[in-house]
Amino acid sequence: MRIICLFNLKPGVSQAEYEEWARTRDIPTVNALGSVTSFTVHKATGLFGDPEGTPPFQYIEVIDITGMDAFVADISTEAFQAAAAPFQGFADAPQFILTEDL
């Protein structure tokens, strides 16, 4: 199963500060969860075929998990909640989309 998270930074949030946190704290922490097989964060750089276009979202997270129950158990711990808390200060109304392969 894959979860895709789309979001923009909140107004006034430093892009450099968010990206440093994502690289050094968020990505390693999420990838260390037993239910996560892969976690990547991507910065949107443009729209294919529209060189002047602006993407609707600044960042995309892709989380591959072994199963929803195991993932929810992993992210429900006090330790994970503390580690992930800064995300709420960075992300403006993140949208988490659940997917399945065809």
PDB file of N, CA and C in Angstrom:
ATOM      1  N   MET A   1       0.847  -1.169   0.000  1.00  0.00           N
ATOM      2  CA  MET A   1       0.000   0.000   0.000  1.00  0.00           C
ATOM      3  C   MET A   1       0.895   1.236   0.000  1.00  0.00           C
ATOM      4  N   ARG A   2       0.416   2.267  -0.639  1.00  0.00           N
ATOM      5  CA  ARG A   2       1.172   3.520  -0.723  1.00  0.00           C
ATOM      6  C   ARG A   2       0.291   4.674  -0.270  1.00  0.00           C
ATOM      7  N   ILE A   3       0.888   5.564   0.523  1.00  0.00           N
ATOM      8  CA  ILE A   3       0.227   6.794   0.939  1.00  0.00           C
ATOM      9  C   ILE A   3       0.992   7.941   0.290  1.00  0.00           C
ATOM     10  N   ILE A   4       0.256   8.842  -0.329  1.00  0.00           N
ATOM     11  CA  ILE A   4       0.866  10.012  -0.955  1.00  0.00           C
ATOM     12  C   ILE A   4       0.346  11.246  -0.217  1.00  0.00           C
ATOM     13  N   CYS A   5       1.262  12.066   0.227  1.00  0.00           N
ATOM     14  CA  CYS A   5       0.905  13.287   0.953  1.00  0.00           C
ATOM     15  C   CYS A   5       1.307  14.493   0.107  1.00  0.00           C
ATOM     16  N   LEU A   6       0.350  15.370  -0.135  1.00  0.00           N
ATOM     17  CA  LEU A   6       0.580  16.596  -0.896  1.00  0.00           C
ATOM     18  C   LEU A   6       0.410  17.780   0.050  1.00  0.00           C
ATOM     19  N   PHE A   7       1.361  18.722  -0.007  1.00  0.00           N
ATOM     20  CA  PHE A   7       1.220  19.879   0.875  1.00  0.00           C
ATOM     21  C   PHE A   7       2.073  21.049   0.415  1.00  0.00           C
ATOM     22  N   ASN A   8       1.689  22.211   0.925  1.00  0.00           N
ATOM     23  CA  ASN A   8       2.462  23.437   0.807  1.00  0.00           C
ATOM     24  C   ASN A   8       2.925  23.804   2.207  1.00  0.00           C
ATOM     25  N   LEU A   9       3.951  24.615   2.276  1.00  0.00           N
ATOM     26  CA  LEU A   9       4.402  25.124   3.568  1.00  0.00           C
ATOM     27  C   LEU A   9       3.458  26.231   4.033  1.00  0.00           C
ATOM     28  N   LYS A  10       3.316  26.346   5.332  1.00  0.00           N
ATOM     29  CA  LYS A  10       2.513  27.423   5.893  1.00  0.00           C
ATOM     30  C   LYS A  10       3.179  28.759   5.570  1.00  0.00           C
ATOM     31  N   PRO A  11       2.391  29.821   5.452  1.00  0.00           N
ATOM     32  CA  PRO A  11       2.980  31.138   5.223  1.00  0.00           C
ATOM     33  C   PRO A  11       3.997  31.465   6.320  1.00  0.00           C
ATOM     34  N   GLY A  12       5.123  31.986   5.904  1.00  0.00           N
ATOM     35  CA  GLY A  12       6.165  32.391   6.838  1.00  0.00           C
ATOM     36  C   GLY A  12       7.139  31.294   7.215  1.00  0.00           C
ATOM     37  N   VAL A  13       6.874  30.055   6.813  1.00  0.00           N
ATOM     38  CA  VAL A  13       7.780  28.948   7.129  1.00  0.00           C
ATOM     39  C   VAL A  13       8.981  28.997   6.197  1.00  0.00           C
ATOM     40  N   SER A  14      10.149  28.837   6.759  1.00  0.00           N
ATOM     41  CA  SER A  14      11.385  28.836   5.980  1.00  0.00           C
ATOM     42  C   SER A  14      11.516  27.521   5.206  1.00  0.00           C
ATOM     43  N   GLN A  15      11.655  27.635   3.911  1.00  0.00           N
ATOM     44  CA  GLN A  15      11.843  26.459   3.058  1.00  0.00           C
ATOM     45  C   GLN A  15      13.120  25.717   3.466  1.00  0.00           C
ATOM     46  N   ALA A  16      14.174  26.451   3.717  1.00  0.00           N
ATOM     47  CA  ALA A  16      15.446  25.837   4.108  1.00  0.00           C
ATOM     48  C   ALA A  16      15.310  25.097   5.439  1.00  0.00           C
ATOM     49  N   GLU A  17      14.592  25.691   6.380  1.00  0.00           N
ATOM     50  CA  GLU A  17      14.402  25.049   7.684  1.00  0.00           C
ATOM     51  C   GLU A  17      13.595  23.762   7.540  1.00  0.00           C
ATOM     52  N   TYR A  18      12.515  23.803   6.754  1.00  0.00           N
ATOM     53  CA  TYR A  18      11.717  22.589   6.548  1.00  0.00           C
ATOM     54  C   TYR A  18      12.562  21.507   5.882  1.00  0.00           C
ATOM     55  N   GLU A  19      13.271  21.846   4.823  1.00  0.00           N
ATOM     56  CA  GLU A  19      14.028  20.840   4.077  1.00  0.00           C
ATOM     57  C   GLU A  19      15.145  20.235   4.931  1.00  0.00           C
ATOM     58  N   GLU A  20      15.765  21.023   5.776  1.00  0.00           N
ATOM     59  CA  GLU A  20      16.786  20.500   6.686  1.00  0.00           C
ATOM     60  C   GLU A  20      16.157  19.512   7.665  1.00  0.00           C
ATOM     61  N   TRP A  21      15.009  19.872   8.235  1.00  0.00           N
ATOM     62  CA  TRP A  21      14.308  18.968   9.147  1.00  0.00           C
ATOM     63  C   TRP A  21      13.902  17.681   8.415  1.00  0.00           C
ATOM     64  N   ALA A  22      13.372  17.825   7.207  1.00  0.00           N
ATOM     65  CA  ALA A  22      12.935  16.648   6.454  1.00  0.00           C
ATOM     66  C   ALA A  22      14.108  15.702   6.194  1.00  0.00           C
ATOM     67  N   ARG A  23      15.246  16.257   5.757  1.00  0.00           N
ATOM     68  CA  ARG A  23      16.419  15.421   5.435  1.00  0.00           C
ATOM     69  C   ARG A  23      17.027  14.753   6.665  1.00  0.00           C
ATOM     70  N   THR A  24      17.137  15.494   7.744  1.00  0.00           N
ATOM     71  CA  THR A  24      17.891  14.994   8.898  1.00  0.00           C
ATOM     72  C   THR A  24      17.034  14.310   9.958  1.00  0.00           C
ATOM     73  N   ARG A  25      15.756  14.615  10.009  1.00  0.00           N
ATOM     74  CA  ARG A  25      14.904  14.065  11.074  1.00  0.00           C
ATOM     75  C   ARG A  25      13.761  13.223  10.516  1.00  0.00           C
ATOM     76  N   ASP A  26      12.948  13.807   9.649  1.00  0.00           N
ATOM     77  CA  ASP A  26      11.724  13.150   9.205  1.00  0.00           C
ATOM     78  C   ASP A  26      11.998  11.903   8.359  1.00  0.00           C
ATOM     79  N   ILE A  27      12.791  12.035   7.332  1.00  0.00           N
ATOM     80  CA  ILE A  27      13.037  10.905   6.430  1.00  0.00           C
ATOM     81  C   ILE A  27      13.675   9.729   7.178  1.00  0.00           C
ATOM     82  N   PRO A  28      14.734   9.939   7.958  1.00  0.00           N
ATOM     83  CA  PRO A  28      15.296   8.799   8.692  1.00  0.00           C
ATOM     84  C   PRO A  28      14.327   8.197   9.711  1.00  0.00           C
ATOM     85  N   THR A  29      13.545   9.026  10.389  1.00  0.00           N
ATOM     86  CA  THR A  29      12.613   8.537  11.409  1.00  0.00           C
ATOM     87  C   THR A  29      11.522   7.675  10.796  1.00  0.00           C
ATOM     88  N   VAL A  30      10.925   8.154   9.720  1.00  0.00           N
ATOM     89  CA  VAL A  30       9.843   7.388   9.084  1.00  0.00           C
ATOM     90  C   VAL A  30      10.395   6.116   8.447  1.00  0.00           C
ATOM     91  N   ASN A  31      11.545   6.209   7.793  1.00  0.00           N
ATOM     92  CA  ASN A  31      12.130   5.011   7.175  1.00  0.00           C
ATOM     93  C   ASN A  31      12.531   3.951   8.200  1.00  0.00           C
ATOM     94  N   ALA A  32      12.711   4.331   9.460  1.00  0.00           N
ATOM     95  CA  ALA A  32      13.078   3.377  10.508  1.00  0.00           C
ATOM     96  C   ALA A  32      11.874   2.600  11.048  1.00  0.00           C
ATOM     97  N   LEU A  33      10.661   3.017  10.695  1.00  0.00           N
ATOM     98  CA  LEU A  33       9.473   2.314  11.174  1.00  0.00           C
ATOM     99  C   LEU A  33       9.383   0.930  10.533  1.00  0.00           C
ATOM    100  N   GLY A  34       9.024  -0.064  11.319  1.00  0.00           N
ATOM    101  CA  GLY A  34       8.931  -1.427  10.814  1.00  0.00           C
ATOM    102  C   GLY A  34       7.892  -1.617   9.728  1.00  0.00           C
ATOM    103  N   SER A  35       6.850  -0.793   9.730  1.00  0.00           N
ATOM    104  CA  SER A  35       5.772  -0.915   8.743  1.00  0.00           C
ATOM    105  C   SER A  35       6.052  -0.160   7.447  1.00  0.00           C
ATOM    106  N   VAL A  36       7.149   0.567   7.396  1.00  0.00           N
ATOM    107  CA  VAL A  36       7.470   1.386   6.212  1.00  0.00           C
ATOM    108  C   VAL A  36       8.568   0.700   5.415  1.00  0.00           C
ATOM    109  N   THR A  37       8.285   0.463   4.129  1.00  0.00           N
ATOM    110  CA  THR A  37       9.296  -0.116   3.247  1.00  0.00           C
ATOM    111  C   THR A  37      10.066   0.966   2.499  1.00  0.00           C
ATOM    112  N   SER A  38       9.455   2.142   2.348  1.00  0.00           N
ATOM    113  CA  SER A  38      10.140   3.258   1.692  1.00  0.00           C
ATOM    114  C   SER A  38       9.393   4.553   1.990  1.00  0.00           C
ATOM    115  N   PHE A  39      10.165   5.603   2.272  1.00  0.00           N
ATOM    116  CA  PHE A  39       9.588   6.933   2.486  1.00  0.00           C
ATOM    117  C   PHE A  39      10.484   7.945   1.806  1.00  0.00           C
ATOM    118  N   THR A  40       9.917   8.704   0.882  1.00  0.00           N
ATOM    119  CA  THR A  40      10.676   9.732   0.178  1.00  0.00           C
ATOM    120  C   THR A  40       9.884  11.035   0.186  1.00  0.00           C
ATOM    121  N   VAL A  41      10.610  12.137   0.156  1.00  0.00           N
ATOM    122  CA  VAL A  41      10.003  13.462   0.086  1.00  0.00           C
ATOM    123  C   VAL A  41      10.535  14.133  -1.170  1.00  0.00           C
ATOM    124  N   HIS A  42       9.627  14.726  -1.924  1.00  0.00           N
ATOM    125  CA  HIS A  42       9.972  15.334  -3.202  1.00  0.00           C
ATOM    126  C   HIS A  42       9.527  16.791  -3.235  1.00  0.00           C
ATOM    127  N   LYS A  43      10.374  17.632  -3.784  1.00  0.00           N
ATOM    128  CA  LYS A  43      10.057  19.049  -3.956  1.00  0.00           C
ATOM    129  C   LYS A  43       9.586  19.252  -5.401  1.00  0.00           C
ATOM    130  N   ALA A  44       8.410  19.832  -5.571  1.00  0.00           N
ATOM    131  CA  ALA A  44       7.886  20.097  -6.905  1.00  0.00           C
ATOM    132  C   ALA A  44       8.708  21.211  -7.548  1.00  0.00           C
ATOM    133  N   THR A  45       9.078  21.003  -8.797  1.00  0.00           N
ATOM    134  CA  THR A  45       9.921  21.987  -9.494  1.00  0.00           C
ATOM    135  C   THR A  45       9.259  22.611 -10.712  1.00  0.00           C
ATOM    136  N   GLY A  46       8.105  22.129 -11.115  1.00  0.00           N
ATOM    137  CA  GLY A  46       7.427  22.670 -12.276  1.00  0.00           C
ATOM    138  C   GLY A  46       6.329  21.735 -12.740  1.00  0.00           C
ATOM    139  N   LEU A  47       5.726  22.099 -13.867  1.00  0.00           N
ATOM    140  CA  LEU A  47       4.683  21.285 -14.473  1.00  0.00           C
ATOM    141  C   LEU A  47       5.160  20.820 -15.842  1.00  0.00           C
ATOM    142  N   PHE A  48       5.087  19.539 -16.081  1.00  0.00           N
ATOM    143  CA  PHE A  48       5.521  18.976 -17.358  1.00  0.00           C
ATOM    144  C   PHE A  48       4.694  19.593 -18.488  1.00  0.00           C
ATOM    145  N   GLY A  49       5.360  20.082 -19.507  1.00  0.00           N
ATOM    146  CA  GLY A  49       4.691  20.662 -20.657  1.00  0.00           C
ATOM    147  C   GLY A  49       4.236  22.094 -20.465  1.00  0.00           C
ATOM    148  N   ASP A  50       4.460  22.662 -19.305  1.00  0.00           N
ATOM    149  CA  ASP A  50       4.048  24.034 -19.018  1.00  0.00           C
ATOM    150  C   ASP A  50       5.171  24.728 -18.254  1.00  0.00           C
ATOM    151  N   PRO A  51       6.205  25.200 -18.975  1.00  0.00           N
ATOM    152  CA  PRO A  51       7.374  25.764 -18.303  1.00  0.00           C
ATOM    153  C   PRO A  51       7.076  26.982 -17.424  1.00  0.00           C
ATOM    154  N   GLU A  52       5.965  27.641 -17.653  1.00  0.00           N
ATOM    155  CA  GLU A  52       5.611  28.811 -16.845  1.00  0.00           C
ATOM    156  C   GLU A  52       4.653  28.465 -15.711  1.00  0.00           C
ATOM    157  N   GLY A  53       4.158  27.220 -15.692  1.00  0.00           N
ATOM    158  CA  GLY A  53       3.163  26.826 -14.706  1.00  0.00           C
ATOM    159  C   GLY A  53       3.736  26.633 -13.313  1.00  0.00           C
ATOM    160  N   THR A  54       2.894  26.807 -12.337  1.00  0.00           N
ATOM    161  CA  THR A  54       3.268  26.601 -10.945  1.00  0.00           C
ATOM    162  C   THR A  54       2.524  25.379 -10.417  1.00  0.00           C
ATOM    163  N   PRO A  55       3.245  24.409  -9.866  1.00  0.00           N
ATOM    164  CA  PRO A  55       2.566  23.232  -9.312  1.00  0.00           C
ATOM    165  C   PRO A  55       1.613  23.630  -8.177  1.00  0.00           C
ATOM    166  N   PRO A  56       0.496  22.906  -8.028  1.00  0.00           N
ATOM    167  CA  PRO A  56      -0.447  23.244  -6.964  1.00  0.00           C
ATOM    168  C   PRO A  56       0.074  22.906  -5.567  1.00  0.00           C
ATOM    169  N   PHE A  57       1.088  22.041  -5.497  1.00  0.00           N
ATOM    170  CA  PHE A  57       1.682  21.673  -4.221  1.00  0.00           C
ATOM    171  C   PHE A  57       3.195  21.812  -4.302  1.00  0.00           C
ATOM    172  N   GLN A  58       3.812  22.256  -3.212  1.00  0.00           N
ATOM    173  CA  GLN A  58       5.265  22.422  -3.156  1.00  0.00           C
ATOM    174  C   GLN A  58       5.989  21.113  -2.877  1.00  0.00           C
ATOM    175  N   TYR A  59       5.345  20.226  -2.098  1.00  0.00           N
ATOM    176  CA  TYR A  59       6.017  18.995  -1.671  1.00  0.00           C
ATOM    177  C   TYR A  59       5.093  17.793  -1.806  1.00  0.00           C
ATOM    178  N   ILE A  60       5.714  16.652  -2.084  1.00  0.00           N
ATOM    179  CA  ILE A  60       5.018  15.381  -2.214  1.00  0.00           C
ATOM    180  C   ILE A  60       5.786  14.351  -1.393  1.00  0.00           C
ATOM    181  N   GLU A  61       5.087  13.666  -0.501  1.00  0.00           N
ATOM    182  CA  GLU A  61       5.680  12.558   0.237  1.00  0.00           C
ATOM    183  C   GLU A  61       5.091  11.264  -0.304  1.00  0.00           C
ATOM    184  N   VAL A  62       5.928  10.244  -0.426  1.00  0.00           N
ATOM    185  CA  VAL A  62       5.479   8.926  -0.855  1.00  0.00           C
ATOM    186  C   VAL A  62       5.895   7.940   0.232  1.00  0.00           C
ATOM    187  N   ILE A  63       4.891   7.302   0.840  1.00  0.00           N
ATOM    188  CA  ILE A  63       5.133   6.369   1.943  1.00  0.00           C
ATOM    189  C   ILE A  63       4.622   4.992   1.521  1.00  0.00           C
ATOM    190  N   ASP A  64       5.520   4.046   1.351  1.00  0.00           N
ATOM    191  CA  ASP A  64       5.142   2.663   1.054  1.00  0.00           C
ATOM    192  C   ASP A  64       5.116   1.901   2.367  1.00  0.00           C
ATOM    193  N   ILE A  65       3.975   1.266   2.643  1.00  0.00           N
ATOM    194  CA  ILE A  65       3.807   0.577   3.923  1.00  0.00           C
ATOM    195  C   ILE A  65       3.417  -0.883   3.703  1.00  0.00           C
ATOM    196  N   THR A  66       3.680  -1.696   4.726  1.00  0.00           N
ATOM    197  CA  THR A  66       3.343  -3.115   4.657  1.00  0.00           C
ATOM    198  C   THR A  66       1.865  -3.347   4.920  1.00  0.00           C
ATOM    199  N   GLY A  67       1.233  -2.471   5.668  1.00  0.00           N
ATOM    200  CA  GLY A  67      -0.187  -2.582   5.983  1.00  0.00           C
ATOM    201  C   GLY A  67      -0.630  -1.428   6.858  1.00  0.00           C
ATOM    202  N   MET A  68      -1.899  -1.087   6.754  1.00  0.00           N
ATOM    203  CA  MET A  68      -2.415   0.078   7.477  1.00  0.00           C
ATOM    204  C   MET A  68      -2.401  -0.131   8.995  1.00  0.00           C
ATOM    205  N   ASP A  69      -2.794  -1.296   9.471  1.00  0.00           N
ATOM    206  CA  ASP A  69      -2.827  -1.527  10.918  1.00  0.00           C
ATOM    207  C   ASP A  69      -1.442  -1.378  11.538  1.00  0.00           C
ATOM    208  N   ALA A  70      -0.445  -1.967  10.893  1.00  0.00           N
ATOM    209  CA  ALA A  70       0.928  -1.877  11.410  1.00  0.00           C
ATOM    210  C   ALA A  70       1.425  -0.438  11.361  1.00  0.00           C
ATOM    211  N   PHE A  71       1.103   0.277  10.297  1.00  0.00           N
ATOM    212  CA  PHE A  71       1.534   1.669  10.157  1.00  0.00           C
ATOM    213  C   PHE A  71       0.896   2.540  11.241  1.00  0.00           C
ATOM    214  N   VAL A  72      -0.396   2.389  11.441  1.00  0.00           N
ATOM    215  CA  VAL A  72      -1.088   3.174  12.468  1.00  0.00           C
ATOM    216  C   VAL A  72      -0.489   2.880  13.839  1.00  0.00           C
ATOM    217  N   ALA A  73      -0.179   1.620  14.114  1.00  0.00           N
ATOM    218  CA  ALA A  73       0.448   1.273  15.394  1.00  0.00           C
ATOM    219  C   ALA A  73       1.803   1.962  15.535  1.00  0.00           C
ATOM    220  N   ASP A  74       2.597   1.965  14.468  1.00  0.00           N
ATOM    221  CA  ASP A  74       3.920   2.598  14.509  1.00  0.00           C
ATOM    222  C   ASP A  74       3.841   4.099  14.747  1.00  0.00           C
ATOM    223  N   ILE A  75       2.924   4.767  14.064  1.00  0.00           N
ATOM    224  CA  ILE A  75       2.864   6.228  14.183  1.00  0.00           C
ATOM    225  C   ILE A  75       2.103   6.697  15.414  1.00  0.00           C
ATOM    226  N   SER A  76       1.485   5.769  16.127  1.00  0.00           N
ATOM    227  CA  SER A  76       0.717   6.124  17.321  1.00  0.00           C
ATOM    228  C   SER A  76       1.549   6.160  18.590  1.00  0.00           C
ATOM    229  N   THR A  77       2.803   5.787  18.495  1.00  0.00           N
ATOM    230  CA  THR A  77       3.634   5.785  19.702  1.00  0.00           C
ATOM    231  C   THR A  77       3.970   7.216  20.120  1.00  0.00           C
ATOM    232  N   GLU A  78       4.220   7.376  21.412  1.00  0.00           N
ATOM    233  CA  GLU A  78       4.594   8.692  21.933  1.00  0.00           C
ATOM    234  C   GLU A  78       5.881   9.203  21.294  1.00  0.00           C
ATOM    235  N   ALA A  79       6.836   8.301  21.118  1.00  0.00           N
ATOM    236  CA  ALA A  79       8.126   8.685  20.533  1.00  0.00           C
ATOM    237  C   ALA A  79       7.955   9.183  19.101  1.00  0.00           C
ATOM    238  N   PHE A  80       7.147   8.483  18.306  1.00  0.00           N
ATOM    239  CA  PHE A  80       6.958   8.933  16.922  1.00  0.00           C
ATOM    240  C   PHE A  80       6.189  10.248  16.889  1.00  0.00           C
ATOM    241  N   GLN A  81       5.171  10.367  17.711  1.00  0.00           N
ATOM    242  CA  GLN A  81       4.385  11.604  17.732  1.00  0.00           C
ATOM    243  C   GLN A  81       5.270  12.808  18.066  1.00  0.00           C
ATOM    244  N   ALA A  82       6.185  12.629  18.990  1.00  0.00           N
ATOM    245  CA  ALA A  82       7.102  13.721  19.348  1.00  0.00           C
ATOM    246  C   ALA A  82       8.031  14.052  18.188  1.00  0.00           C
ATOM    247  N   ALA A  83       8.535  13.019  17.515  1.00  0.00           N
ATOM    248  CA  ALA A  83       9.451  13.236  16.395  1.00  0.00           C
ATOM    249  C   ALA A  83       8.753  13.892  15.209  1.00  0.00           C
ATOM    250  N   ALA A  84       7.484  13.559  15.011  1.00  0.00           N
ATOM    251  CA  ALA A  84       6.744  14.073  13.852  1.00  0.00           C
ATOM    252  C   ALA A  84       6.052  15.406  14.122  1.00  0.00           C
ATOM    253  N   ALA A  85       5.995  15.836  15.371  1.00  0.00           N
ATOM    254  CA  ALA A  85       5.269  17.055  15.742  1.00  0.00           C
ATOM    255  C   ALA A  85       5.662  18.287  14.926  1.00  0.00           C
ATOM    256  N   PRO A  86       6.933  18.495  14.601  1.00  0.00           N
ATOM    257  CA  PRO A  86       7.274  19.685  13.824  1.00  0.00           C
ATOM    258  C   PRO A  86       6.577  19.763  12.465  1.00  0.00           C
ATOM    259  N   PHE A  87       6.208  18.610  11.906  1.00  0.00           N
ATOM    260  CA  PHE A  87       5.531  18.609  10.596  1.00  0.00           C
ATOM    261  C   PHE A  87       4.281  19.483  10.631  1.00  0.00           C
ATOM    262  N   GLN A  88       3.550  19.453  11.749  1.00  0.00           N
ATOM    263  CA  GLN A  88       2.330  20.255  11.863  1.00  0.00           C
ATOM    264  C   GLN A  88       2.631  21.752  11.793  1.00  0.00           C
ATOM    265  N   GLY A  89       3.799  22.142  12.221  1.00  0.00           N
ATOM    266  CA  GLY A  89       4.186  23.547  12.143  1.00  0.00           C
ATOM    267  C   GLY A  89       4.652  23.963  10.761  1.00  0.00           C
ATOM    268  N   PHE A  90       5.090  23.000   9.969  1.00  0.00           N
ATOM    269  CA  PHE A  90       5.580  23.286   8.615  1.00  0.00           C
ATOM    270  C   PHE A  90       4.475  23.209   7.561  1.00  0.00           C
ATOM    271  N   ALA A  91       3.678  22.145   7.599  1.00  0.00           N
ATOM    272  CA  ALA A  91       2.753  21.833   6.506  1.00  0.00           C
ATOM    273  C   ALA A  91       1.403  22.503   6.689  1.00  0.00           C
ATOM    274  N   ASP A  92       0.903  23.089   5.616  1.00  0.00           N
ATOM    275  CA  ASP A  92      -0.387  23.770   5.605  1.00  0.00           C
ATOM    276  C   ASP A  92      -1.443  22.825   5.025  1.00  0.00           C
ATOM    277  N   ALA A  93      -2.277  22.258   5.879  1.00  0.00           N
ATOM    278  CA  ALA A  93      -3.380  21.370   5.473  1.00  0.00           C
ATOM    279  C   ALA A  93      -2.917  20.237   4.554  1.00  0.00           C
ATOM    280  N   PRO A  94      -1.993  19.384   5.020  1.00  0.00           N
ATOM    281  CA  PRO A  94      -1.537  18.282   4.178  1.00  0.00           C
ATOM    282  C   PRO A  94      -2.672  17.328   3.839  1.00  0.00           C
ATOM    283  N   GLN A  95      -2.633  16.808   2.614  1.00  0.00           N
ATOM    284  CA  GLN A  95      -3.635  15.850   2.153  1.00  0.00           C
ATOM    285  C   GLN A  95      -2.971  14.494   2.003  1.00  0.00           C
ATOM    286  N   PHE A  96      -3.441  13.507   2.753  1.00  0.00           N
ATOM    287  CA  PHE A  96      -2.898  12.153   2.714  1.00  0.00           C
ATOM    288  C   PHE A  96      -3.836  11.300   1.867  1.00  0.00           C
ATOM    289  N   ILE A  97      -3.329  10.810   0.755  1.00  0.00           N
ATOM    290  CA  ILE A  97      -4.134  10.043  -0.194  1.00  0.00           C
ATOM    291  C   ILE A  97      -3.715   8.573  -0.103  1.00  0.00           C
ATOM    292  N   LEU A  98      -4.691   7.704   0.187  1.00  0.00           N
ATOM    293  CA  LEU A  98      -4.431   6.275   0.251  1.00  0.00           C
ATOM    294  C   LEU A  98      -4.566   5.683  -1.148  1.00  0.00           C
ATOM    295  N   THR A  99      -3.640   4.803  -1.521  1.00  0.00           N
ATOM    296  CA  THR A  99      -3.675   4.214  -2.859  1.00  0.00           C
ATOM    297  C   THR A  99      -3.491   2.706  -2.778  1.00  0.00           C
ATOM    298  N   GLU A 100      -3.799   2.051  -3.881  1.00  0.00           N
ATOM    299  CA  GLU A 100      -3.484   0.643  -4.045  1.00  0.00           C
ATOM    300  C   GLU A 100      -3.069   0.425  -5.498  1.00  0.00           C
ATOM    301  N   ASP A 101      -2.205  -0.535  -5.710  1.00  0.00           N
ATOM    302  CA  ASP A 101      -1.747  -0.838  -7.053  1.00  0.00           C
ATOM    303  C   ASP A 101      -2.853  -1.506  -7.857  1.00  0.00           C
ATOM    304  N   LEU A 102      -2.882  -1.225  -9.145  1.00  0.00           N
ATOM    305  CA  LEU A 102      -3.836  -1.890 -10.046  1.00  0.00           C
ATOM    306  C   LEU A 102      -3.243  -3.195 -10.549  1.00  0.00           C
TER     307      LEU A 102
END
